[in-house]
């Protein structure tokens, strides 16, 4: 004797409709194709985003003067109206450093008859200071000193080539000052922010972002006009920015994929049902007019 007759199939919320009770339509076929293509595009986009991850940032306080390491600096500047023979690099800072005519790792390439492309790699201390391009170290001063210039690059620290990393690592790129007074000095005041970029393999690159303010002036001393120069004054902030790769969790990817599939099918079903119902009403209306 069977005391308890229970059919588990009662819990099936996905009841099946026999094929002979369904009606395929051309509109439904078109919507289905568009629906599948749309889902594939969204799925591919989410998969690429999951695999590549994203670059996130965090801030923390770090006294830049604690470390004894120096900051590598690279500059590349065109001086179209000053010969290479007169150009030199001077470096000063608050620790008492004062170098005139720094020549190590500097390259001077003549441009035309009186221009020069100047490049230099050097190290600066992690204290406020300046470096400037001048004629102070020349054996003989030129008759006309014109520091009109085009800046190609002024970079602190390592170069970060990843375009996904935000920031202003070379904001002076392309800056041109060649139409002003030939007697004036050019002064760039920079606020430098230490920046760490951690690659996906765990390797860290230390670079520096900076903002700048600019002014130009003709200066005079007790002996008359002071020889002009191209100045870069810098100061470091105690805030460090760190960028690193972060991949979203796998459950987030699965949730997004389910939302794409379910949402697309739901919306497509509503659109198909609306079009089918509208077409049926229109057919009945046409039959009524004919009768």
C-alpha atoms as a PDB file:
ATOM      1  CA  UNK A   1       0.000   0.000   0.000  1.00  0.00           C
ATOM      2  CA  UNK A   2       1.382   3.375  -1.022  1.00  0.00           C
ATOM      3  CA  UNK A   3       0.928   5.792   1.853  1.00  0.00           C
ATOM      4  CA  UNK A   4       2.658   8.704   0.220  1.00  0.00           C
ATOM      5  CA  UNK A   5       2.663   9.483  -3.481  1.00  0.00           C
ATOM      6  CA  UNK A   6       4.806  12.547  -4.181  1.00  0.00           C
ATOM      7  CA  UNK A   7       5.986  13.764  -7.583  1.00  0.00           C
ATOM      8  CA  UNK A   8       9.133  15.906  -7.422  1.00  0.00           C
ATOM      9  CA  UNK A   9       8.320  17.343 -10.856  1.00  0.00           C
ATOM     10  CA  UNK A  10       5.742  19.584  -9.203  1.00  0.00           C
ATOM     11  CA  UNK A  11       8.609  21.875  -8.202  1.00  0.00           C
ATOM     12  CA  UNK A  12       9.595  22.475 -11.837  1.00  0.00           C
ATOM     13  CA  UNK A  13       9.159  26.205 -12.477  1.00  0.00           C
ATOM     14  CA  UNK A  14      10.480  25.823 -16.025  1.00  0.00           C
ATOM     15  CA  UNK A  15       7.485  24.043 -17.503  1.00  0.00           C
ATOM     16  CA  UNK A  16       7.986  22.885 -21.087  1.00  0.00           C
ATOM     17  CA  UNK A  17       5.620  23.755 -23.898  1.00  0.00           C
ATOM     18  CA  UNK A  18       5.190  21.109 -26.628  1.00  0.00           C
ATOM     19  CA  UNK A  19       6.685  22.138 -29.955  1.00  0.00           C
ATOM     20  CA  UNK A  20       3.378  21.713 -31.769  1.00  0.00           C
ATOM     21  CA  UNK A  21       1.934  24.478 -29.568  1.00  0.00           C
ATOM     22  CA  UNK A  22       4.612  27.027 -30.489  1.00  0.00           C
ATOM     23  CA  UNK A  23       4.622  29.286 -33.524  1.00  0.00           C
ATOM     24  CA  UNK A  24       7.917  30.450 -35.095  1.00  0.00           C
ATOM     25  CA  UNK A  25       7.877  33.880 -36.743  1.00  0.00           C
ATOM     26  CA  UNK A  26      10.257  35.858 -38.924  1.00  0.00           C
ATOM     27  CA  UNK A  27      10.278  38.707 -36.414  1.00  0.00           C
ATOM     28  CA  UNK A  28      11.133  36.311 -33.605  1.00  0.00           C
ATOM     29  CA  UNK A  29      14.004  34.871 -35.645  1.00  0.00           C
ATOM     30  CA  UNK A  30      15.456  38.339 -36.306  1.00  0.00           C
ATOM     31  CA  UNK A  31      15.151  39.314 -32.646  1.00  0.00           C
ATOM     32  CA  UNK A  32      16.812  36.039 -31.616  1.00  0.00           C
ATOM     33  CA  UNK A  33      19.797  36.616 -33.926  1.00  0.00           C
ATOM     34  CA  UNK A  34      20.220  40.205 -32.715  1.00  0.00           C
ATOM     35  CA  UNK A  35      19.872  38.992 -29.135  1.00  0.00           C
ATOM     36  CA  UNK A  36      22.622  36.365 -29.519  1.00  0.00           C
ATOM     37  CA  UNK A  37      25.011  38.798 -31.243  1.00  0.00           C
ATOM     38  CA  UNK A  38      24.382  41.415 -28.555  1.00  0.00           C
ATOM     39  CA  UNK A  39      25.052  38.900 -25.777  1.00  0.00           C
ATOM     40  CA  UNK A  40      28.278  37.741 -27.438  1.00  0.00           C
ATOM     41  CA  UNK A  41      29.537  41.325 -27.687  1.00  0.00           C
ATOM     42  CA  UNK A  42      28.751  42.051 -24.043  1.00  0.00           C
ATOM     43  CA  UNK A  43      30.235  38.740 -22.922  1.00  0.00           C
ATOM     44  CA  UNK A  44      33.459  39.400 -24.857  1.00  0.00           C
ATOM     45  CA  UNK A  45      33.717  42.880 -23.368  1.00  0.00           C
ATOM     46  CA  UNK A  46      33.236  41.593 -19.821  1.00  0.00           C
ATOM     47  CA  UNK A  47      35.702  38.749 -20.371  1.00  0.00           C
ATOM     48  CA  UNK A  48      38.406  41.136 -21.601  1.00  0.00           C
ATOM     49  CA  UNK A  49      37.740  43.442 -18.660  1.00  0.00           C
ATOM     50  CA  UNK A  50      37.995  40.522 -16.234  1.00  0.00           C
ATOM     51  CA  UNK A  51      41.252  39.229 -17.746  1.00  0.00           C
ATOM     52  CA  UNK A  52      42.964  42.626 -18.039  1.00  0.00           C
ATOM     53  CA  UNK A  53      41.700  44.088 -14.767  1.00  0.00           C
ATOM     54  CA  UNK A  54      41.884  47.786 -13.998  1.00  0.00           C
ATOM     55  CA  UNK A  55      44.369  50.231 -12.545  1.00  0.00           C
ATOM     56  CA  UNK A  56      43.353  51.567  -9.129  1.00  0.00           C
ATOM     57  CA  UNK A  57      45.079  54.164  -6.986  1.00  0.00           C
ATOM     58  CA  UNK A  58      45.678  54.750  -3.303  1.00  0.00           C
ATOM     59  CA  UNK A  59      47.257  57.586  -1.337  1.00  0.00           C
ATOM     60  CA  UNK A  60      49.464  57.509   1.724  1.00  0.00           C
ATOM     61  CA  UNK A  61      51.769  59.875   3.570  1.00  0.00           C
ATOM     62  CA  UNK A  62      55.472  59.303   3.059  1.00  0.00           C
ATOM     63  CA  UNK A  63      58.190  61.783   3.969  1.00  0.00           C
ATOM     64  CA  UNK A  64      60.336  62.065   0.815  1.00  0.00           C
ATOM     65  CA  UNK A  65      63.337  63.220   2.837  1.00  0.00           C
ATOM     66  CA  UNK A  66      63.622  59.958   4.797  1.00  0.00           C
ATOM     67  CA  UNK A  67      65.115  58.008   1.901  1.00  0.00           C
ATOM     68  CA  UNK A  68      68.708  58.778   0.964  1.00  0.00           C
ATOM     69  CA  UNK A  69      68.148  57.770  -2.649  1.00  0.00           C
ATOM     70  CA  UNK A  70      68.351  60.444  -5.299  1.00  0.00           C
ATOM     71  CA  UNK A  71      65.760  61.116  -7.966  1.00  0.00           C
ATOM     72  CA  UNK A  72      66.775  60.550 -11.597  1.00  0.00           C
ATOM     73  CA  UNK A  73      65.798  63.434 -13.868  1.00  0.00           C
ATOM     74  CA  UNK A  74      65.747  63.572 -17.658  1.00  0.00           C
ATOM     75  CA  UNK A  75      65.335  66.730 -19.727  1.00  0.00           C
ATOM     76  CA  UNK A  76      65.176  67.260 -23.475  1.00  0.00           C
ATOM     77  CA  UNK A  77      64.892  70.852 -24.679  1.00  0.00           C
ATOM     78  CA  UNK A  78      65.376  72.687 -27.966  1.00  0.00           C
ATOM     79  CA  UNK A  79      66.986  76.142 -27.788  1.00  0.00           C
ATOM     80  CA  UNK A  80      66.627  77.476 -31.344  1.00  0.00           C
ATOM     81  CA  UNK A  81      68.603  80.721 -30.834  1.00  0.00           C
ATOM     82  CA  UNK A  82      71.529  79.626 -28.672  1.00  0.00           C
ATOM     83  CA  UNK A  83      74.602  77.699 -29.777  1.00  0.00           C
ATOM     84  CA  UNK A  84      75.544  74.482 -28.004  1.00  0.00           C
ATOM     85  CA  UNK A  85      78.981  75.868 -27.057  1.00  0.00           C
ATOM     86  CA  UNK A  86      77.417  78.274 -24.567  1.00  0.00           C
ATOM     87  CA  UNK A  87      74.860  75.963 -22.950  1.00  0.00           C
ATOM     88  CA  UNK A  88      75.370  74.263 -19.593  1.00  0.00           C
ATOM     89  CA  UNK A  89      73.368  72.753 -16.737  1.00  0.00           C
ATOM     90  CA  UNK A  90      73.509  74.060 -13.160  1.00  0.00           C
ATOM     91  CA  UNK A  91      72.070  72.192 -10.148  1.00  0.00           C
ATOM     92  CA  UNK A  92      71.283  73.614  -6.684  1.00  0.00           C
ATOM     93  CA  UNK A  93      69.337  72.418  -3.639  1.00  0.00           C
ATOM     94  CA  UNK A  94      68.675  73.143   0.042  1.00  0.00           C
ATOM     95  CA  UNK A  95      71.363  70.679   1.173  1.00  0.00           C
ATOM     96  CA  UNK A  96      74.028  73.024  -0.156  1.00  0.00           C
ATOM     97  CA  UNK A  97      74.630  71.390  -3.503  1.00  0.00           C
ATOM     98  CA  UNK A  98      75.721  73.865  -6.154  1.00  0.00           C
ATOM     99  CA  UNK A  99      77.103  72.515  -9.396  1.00  0.00           C
ATOM    100  CA  UNK A 100      77.792  74.840 -12.300  1.00  0.00           C
ATOM    101  CA  UNK A 101      78.296  73.363 -15.750  1.00  0.00           C
ATOM    102  CA  UNK A 102      77.199  69.796 -15.025  1.00  0.00           C
ATOM    103  CA  UNK A 103      78.471  67.794 -18.016  1.00  0.00           C
ATOM    104  CA  UNK A 104      78.009  64.114 -17.105  1.00  0.00           C
ATOM    105  CA  UNK A 105      75.374  62.346 -19.263  1.00  0.00           C
ATOM    106  CA  UNK A 106      74.609  65.484 -21.260  1.00  0.00           C
ATOM    107  CA  UNK A 107      74.188  65.574 -25.037  1.00  0.00           C
ATOM    108  CA  UNK A 108      74.229  68.668 -27.253  1.00  0.00           C
ATOM    109  CA  UNK A 109      73.153  68.392 -30.879  1.00  0.00           C
ATOM    110  CA  UNK A 110      73.468  71.520 -33.053  1.00  0.00           C
ATOM    111  CA  UNK A 111      70.334  72.573 -34.937  1.00  0.00           C
ATOM    112  CA  UNK A 112      70.874  74.762 -37.962  1.00  0.00           C
ATOM    113  CA  UNK A 113      73.471  77.512 -37.574  1.00  0.00           C
ATOM    114  CA  UNK A 114      72.727  78.735 -34.060  1.00  0.00           C
ATOM    115  CA  UNK A 115      70.313  76.340 -32.374  1.00  0.00           C
ATOM    116  CA  UNK A 116      70.825  73.405 -30.022  1.00  0.00           C
ATOM    117  CA  UNK A 117      68.969  70.299 -28.875  1.00  0.00           C
ATOM    118  CA  UNK A 118      70.010  69.743 -25.261  1.00  0.00           C
ATOM    119  CA  UNK A 119      69.525  66.471 -23.345  1.00  0.00           C
ATOM    120  CA  UNK A 120      70.670  65.530 -19.858  1.00  0.00           C
ATOM    121  CA  UNK A 121      70.317  62.716 -17.328  1.00  0.00           C
ATOM    122  CA  UNK A 122      71.201  63.562 -13.735  1.00  0.00           C
ATOM    123  CA  UNK A 123      70.268  62.931 -10.095  1.00  0.00           C
ATOM    124  CA  UNK A 124      68.779  65.369  -7.580  1.00  0.00           C
ATOM    125  CA  UNK A 125      68.339  65.097  -3.823  1.00  0.00           C
ATOM    126  CA  UNK A 126      64.894  64.662  -2.293  1.00  0.00           C
ATOM    127  CA  UNK A 127      64.826  68.235  -1.014  1.00  0.00           C
ATOM    128  CA  UNK A 128      63.633  71.496  -2.569  1.00  0.00           C
ATOM    129  CA  UNK A 129      66.005  72.769  -5.210  1.00  0.00           C
ATOM    130  CA  UNK A 130      66.360  73.750  -8.827  1.00  0.00           C
ATOM    131  CA  UNK A 131      68.204  72.944 -12.006  1.00  0.00           C
ATOM    132  CA  UNK A 132      68.586  75.457 -14.773  1.00  0.00           C
ATOM    133  CA  UNK A 133      69.959  75.661 -18.273  1.00  0.00           C
ATOM    134  CA  UNK A 134      72.246  78.670 -18.555  1.00  0.00           C
ATOM    135  CA  UNK A 135      75.432  80.112 -20.023  1.00  0.00           C
ATOM    136  CA  UNK A 136      77.080  80.479 -16.600  1.00  0.00           C
ATOM    137  CA  UNK A 137      79.704  77.815 -17.308  1.00  0.00           C
ATOM    138  CA  UNK A 138      80.691  79.117 -20.743  1.00  0.00           C
ATOM    139  CA  UNK A 139      84.246  80.427 -21.164  1.00  0.00           C
ATOM    140  CA  UNK A 140      82.865  83.385 -23.071  1.00  0.00           C
ATOM    141  CA  UNK A 141      79.371  84.821 -22.918  1.00  0.00           C
ATOM    142  CA  UNK A 142      77.526  85.249 -26.232  1.00  0.00           C
ATOM    143  CA  UNK A 143      76.591  88.729 -27.382  1.00  0.00           C
ATOM    144  CA  UNK A 144      72.885  87.900 -27.493  1.00  0.00           C
ATOM    145  CA  UNK A 145      71.431  85.417 -25.013  1.00  0.00           C
ATOM    146  CA  UNK A 146      67.979  84.221 -26.002  1.00  0.00           C
ATOM    147  CA  UNK A 147      66.493  81.370 -23.971  1.00  0.00           C
ATOM    148  CA  UNK A 148      63.439  80.928 -26.146  1.00  0.00           C
ATOM    149  CA  UNK A 149      62.763  77.203 -25.962  1.00  0.00           C
ATOM    150  CA  UNK A 150      60.653  74.190 -26.855  1.00  0.00           C
ATOM    151  CA  UNK A 151      60.341  71.523 -24.149  1.00  0.00           C
ATOM    152  CA  UNK A 152      60.132  67.930 -25.338  1.00  0.00           C
ATOM    153  CA  UNK A 153      60.425  66.209 -21.987  1.00  0.00           C
ATOM    154  CA  UNK A 154      61.053  66.930 -18.323  1.00  0.00           C
ATOM    155  CA  UNK A 155      60.700  63.693 -16.378  1.00  0.00           C
ATOM    156  CA  UNK A 156      61.373  62.656 -12.796  1.00  0.00           C
ATOM    157  CA  UNK A 157      61.985  58.984 -12.035  1.00  0.00           C
ATOM    158  CA  UNK A 158      61.213  55.977 -14.216  1.00  0.00           C
ATOM    159  CA  UNK A 159      59.196  56.272 -17.398  1.00  0.00           C
ATOM    160  CA  UNK A 160      55.769  54.619 -17.259  1.00  0.00           C
ATOM    161  CA  UNK A 161      54.585  53.539 -20.707  1.00  0.00           C
ATOM    162  CA  UNK A 162      51.233  52.046 -19.694  1.00  0.00           C
ATOM    163  CA  UNK A 163      48.493  54.340 -21.093  1.00  0.00           C
ATOM    164  CA  UNK A 164      46.030  52.947 -18.534  1.00  0.00           C
ATOM    165  CA  UNK A 165      47.923  54.703 -15.734  1.00  0.00           C
ATOM    166  CA  UNK A 166      46.507  58.203 -15.210  1.00  0.00           C
ATOM    167  CA  UNK A 167      48.618  61.139 -14.137  1.00  0.00           C
ATOM    168  CA  UNK A 168      50.737  64.053 -15.348  1.00  0.00           C
ATOM    169  CA  UNK A 169      54.235  62.644 -15.689  1.00  0.00           C
ATOM    170  CA  UNK A 170      55.360  65.014 -18.453  1.00  0.00           C
ATOM    171  CA  UNK A 171      52.957  67.983 -18.497  1.00  0.00           C
ATOM    172  CA  UNK A 172      55.594  70.271 -20.036  1.00  0.00           C
ATOM    173  CA  UNK A 173      55.667  68.213 -23.230  1.00  0.00           C
ATOM    174  CA  UNK A 174      55.406  70.439 -26.299  1.00  0.00           C
ATOM    175  CA  UNK A 175      55.497  73.713 -24.357  1.00  0.00           C
ATOM    176  CA  UNK A 176      56.959  76.444 -26.544  1.00  0.00           C
ATOM    177  CA  UNK A 177      58.218  79.891 -25.524  1.00  0.00           C
ATOM    178  CA  UNK A 178      60.075  81.384 -28.473  1.00  0.00           C
ATOM    179  CA  UNK A 179      58.220  84.644 -29.180  1.00  0.00           C
ATOM    180  CA  UNK A 180      58.878  86.580 -25.975  1.00  0.00           C
ATOM    181  CA  UNK A 181      61.511  89.101 -24.952  1.00  0.00           C
ATOM    182  CA  UNK A 182      64.949  87.705 -25.776  1.00  0.00           C
ATOM    183  CA  UNK A 183      66.355  89.196 -22.541  1.00  0.00           C
ATOM    184  CA  UNK A 184      63.974  87.443 -20.171  1.00  0.00           C
ATOM    185  CA  UNK A 185      64.486  84.438 -17.946  1.00  0.00           C
ATOM    186  CA  UNK A 186      61.937  81.619 -17.905  1.00  0.00           C
ATOM    187  CA  UNK A 187      60.917  80.133 -14.582  1.00  0.00           C
ATOM    188  CA  UNK A 188      58.979  76.880 -14.079  1.00  0.00           C
ATOM    189  CA  UNK A 189      57.923  76.145 -10.487  1.00  0.00           C
ATOM    190  CA  UNK A 190      56.964  72.494 -10.035  1.00  0.00           C
ATOM    191  CA  UNK A 191      55.170  70.560  -7.300  1.00  0.00           C
ATOM    192  CA  UNK A 192      56.404  66.971  -7.520  1.00  0.00           C
ATOM    193  CA  UNK A 193      54.333  64.006  -6.288  1.00  0.00           C
ATOM    194  CA  UNK A 194      56.067  60.623  -5.735  1.00  0.00           C
ATOM    195  CA  UNK A 195      54.216  57.920  -7.657  1.00  0.00           C
ATOM    196  CA  UNK A 196      54.604  54.137  -7.483  1.00  0.00           C
ATOM    197  CA  UNK A 197      53.287  51.893 -10.244  1.00  0.00           C
ATOM    198  CA  UNK A 198      53.064  48.189  -9.428  1.00  0.00           C
ATOM    199  CA  UNK A 199      52.896  46.040 -12.548  1.00  0.00           C
ATOM    200  CA  UNK A 200      50.844  42.856 -12.747  1.00  0.00           C
ATOM    201  CA  UNK A 201      54.014  40.783 -12.180  1.00  0.00           C
ATOM    202  CA  UNK A 202      54.699  42.593  -8.889  1.00  0.00           C
ATOM    203  CA  UNK A 203      57.515  44.805 -10.199  1.00  0.00           C
ATOM    204  CA  UNK A 204      57.377  48.379  -8.896  1.00  0.00           C
ATOM    205  CA  UNK A 205      58.368  51.480 -10.855  1.00  0.00           C
ATOM    206  CA  UNK A 206      59.047  54.701  -8.961  1.00  0.00           C
ATOM    207  CA  UNK A 207      58.115  57.779 -10.928  1.00  0.00           C
ATOM    208  CA  UNK A 208      56.985  61.312 -10.133  1.00  0.00           C
ATOM    209  CA  UNK A 209      54.051  63.363 -11.317  1.00  0.00           C
ATOM    210  CA  UNK A 210      54.169  67.128 -11.180  1.00  0.00           C
ATOM    211  CA  UNK A 211      52.233  70.287 -11.797  1.00  0.00           C
ATOM    212  CA  UNK A 212      53.836  73.577 -12.731  1.00  0.00           C
ATOM    213  CA  UNK A 213      53.420  77.322 -12.748  1.00  0.00           C
ATOM    214  CA  UNK A 214      55.260  79.574 -15.193  1.00  0.00           C
ATOM    215  CA  UNK A 215      56.558  83.112 -15.174  1.00  0.00           C
ATOM    216  CA  UNK A 216      59.035  85.100 -17.247  1.00  0.00           C
ATOM    217  CA  UNK A 217      60.955  88.178 -16.180  1.00  0.00           C
ATOM    218  CA  UNK A 218      63.956  90.385 -16.863  1.00  0.00           C
ATOM    219  CA  UNK A 219      66.021  90.625 -13.680  1.00  0.00           C
ATOM    220  CA  UNK A 220      68.506  93.291 -12.670  1.00  0.00           C
ATOM    221  CA  UNK A 221      71.184  93.344  -9.984  1.00  0.00           C
ATOM    222  CA  UNK A 222      73.594  95.944  -8.614  1.00  0.00           C
ATOM    223  CA  UNK A 223      75.811  95.538 -11.644  1.00  0.00           C
ATOM    224  CA  UNK A 224      73.011  95.814 -14.179  1.00  0.00           C
ATOM    225  CA  UNK A 225      71.001  93.176 -16.001  1.00  0.00           C
ATOM    226  CA  UNK A 226      71.413  89.605 -14.768  1.00  0.00           C
ATOM    227  CA  UNK A 227      72.214  86.953 -17.378  1.00  0.00           C
ATOM    228  CA  UNK A 228      68.947  85.139 -18.251  1.00  0.00           C
ATOM    229  CA  UNK A 229      68.443  81.409 -17.804  1.00  0.00           C
ATOM    230  CA  UNK A 230      65.838  78.663 -18.074  1.00  0.00           C
ATOM    231  CA  UNK A 231      64.882  77.635 -14.516  1.00  0.00           C
ATOM    232  CA  UNK A 232      63.123  74.564 -13.160  1.00  0.00           C
ATOM    233  CA  UNK A 233      62.391  74.860  -9.432  1.00  0.00           C
ATOM    234  CA  UNK A 234      60.958  71.799  -7.691  1.00  0.00           C
ATOM    235  CA  UNK A 235      59.560  70.804  -4.319  1.00  0.00           C
ATOM    236  CA  UNK A 236      58.313  67.360  -3.255  1.00  0.00           C
ATOM    237  CA  UNK A 237      55.008  66.705  -1.508  1.00  0.00           C
ATOM    238  CA  UNK A 238      54.726  64.217   1.405  1.00  0.00           C
ATOM    239  CA  UNK A 239      51.821  62.436  -0.333  1.00  0.00           C
ATOM    240  CA  UNK A 240      52.657  59.343  -2.387  1.00  0.00           C
ATOM    241  CA  UNK A 241      50.325  57.933  -5.028  1.00  0.00           C
ATOM    242  CA  UNK A 242      50.386  54.200  -5.730  1.00  0.00           C
ATOM    243  CA  UNK A 243      48.821  52.611  -8.801  1.00  0.00           C
ATOM    244  CA  UNK A 244      48.365  48.869  -9.066  1.00  0.00           C
ATOM    245  CA  UNK A 245      46.427  46.341 -11.106  1.00  0.00           C
ATOM    246  CA  UNK A 246      43.294  44.875  -9.586  1.00  0.00           C
ATOM    247  CA  UNK A 247      41.307  42.066 -11.152  1.00  0.00           C
ATOM    248  CA  UNK A 248      37.616  41.809 -10.197  1.00  0.00           C
ATOM    249  CA  UNK A 249      36.637  38.626  -8.293  1.00  0.00           C
ATOM    250  CA  UNK A 250      35.411  35.660 -10.310  1.00  0.00           C
ATOM    251  CA  UNK A 251      31.962  35.699  -8.694  1.00  0.00           C
ATOM    252  CA  UNK A 252      31.531  39.271  -9.929  1.00  0.00           C
ATOM    253  CA  UNK A 253      32.300  38.127 -13.475  1.00  0.00           C
ATOM    254  CA  UNK A 254      29.784  35.252 -13.228  1.00  0.00           C
ATOM    255  CA  UNK A 255      27.129  37.589 -11.798  1.00  0.00           C
ATOM    256  CA  UNK A 256      27.637  40.040 -14.649  1.00  0.00           C
ATOM    257  CA  UNK A 257      27.429  37.286 -17.278  1.00  0.00           C
ATOM    258  CA  UNK A 258      24.193  35.975 -15.753  1.00  0.00           C
ATOM    259  CA  UNK A 259      22.775  39.499 -15.732  1.00  0.00           C
ATOM    260  CA  UNK A 260      23.709  39.925 -19.402  1.00  0.00           C
ATOM    261  CA  UNK A 261      22.091  36.649 -20.464  1.00  0.00           C
ATOM    262  CA  UNK A 262      18.981  36.994 -18.312  1.00  0.00           C
ATOM    263  CA  UNK A 263      18.451  40.673 -19.008  1.00  0.00           C
ATOM    264  CA  UNK A 264      18.919  40.304 -22.752  1.00  0.00           C
ATOM    265  CA  UNK A 265      16.514  37.355 -23.012  1.00  0.00           C
ATOM    266  CA  UNK A 266      13.922  39.143 -20.871  1.00  0.00           C
ATOM    267  CA  UNK A 267      14.011  42.363 -22.877  1.00  0.00           C
ATOM    268  CA  UNK A 268      14.069  40.456 -26.174  1.00  0.00           C
ATOM    269  CA  UNK A 269      11.053  38.410 -25.046  1.00  0.00           C
ATOM    270  CA  UNK A 270       9.114  41.561 -24.149  1.00  0.00           C
ATOM    271  CA  UNK A 271       9.927  43.156 -27.513  1.00  0.00           C
ATOM    272  CA  UNK A 272       8.995  39.993 -29.422  1.00  0.00           C
ATOM    273  CA  UNK A 273       5.736  39.617 -27.492  1.00  0.00           C
ATOM    274  CA  UNK A 274       4.826  43.251 -28.122  1.00  0.00           C
ATOM    275  CA  UNK A 275       5.507  42.986 -31.858  1.00  0.00           C
ATOM    276  CA  UNK A 276       3.631  39.676 -32.151  1.00  0.00           C
ATOM    277  CA  UNK A 277       0.599  40.999 -30.247  1.00  0.00           C
ATOM    278  CA  UNK A 278       0.551  44.182 -32.317  1.00  0.00           C
ATOM    279  CA  UNK A 279       0.724  42.203 -35.566  1.00  0.00           C
ATOM    280  CA  UNK A 280      -2.135  39.919 -34.466  1.00  0.00           C
ATOM    281  CA  UNK A 281      -4.310  42.907 -33.575  1.00  0.00           C
ATOM    282  CA  UNK A 282      -3.507  44.480 -36.939  1.00  0.00           C
ATOM    283  CA  UNK A 283      -4.441  41.253 -38.771  1.00  0.00           C
ATOM    284  CA  UNK A 284      -7.773  41.056 -36.941  1.00  0.00           C
ATOM    285  CA  UNK A 285      -8.415  44.694 -37.761  1.00  0.00           C
ATOM    286  CA  UNK A 286      -7.731  44.057 -41.453  1.00  0.00           C
ATOM    287  CA  UNK A 287     -10.029  41.010 -41.454  1.00  0.00           C
ATOM    288  CA  UNK A 288     -12.761  43.091 -39.827  1.00  0.00           C
ATOM    289  CA  UNK A 289     -12.492  45.737 -42.527  1.00  0.00           C
ATOM    290  CA  UNK A 290     -12.725  43.123 -45.283  1.00  0.00           C
ATOM    291  CA  UNK A 291     -15.812  41.540 -43.786  1.00  0.00           C
END
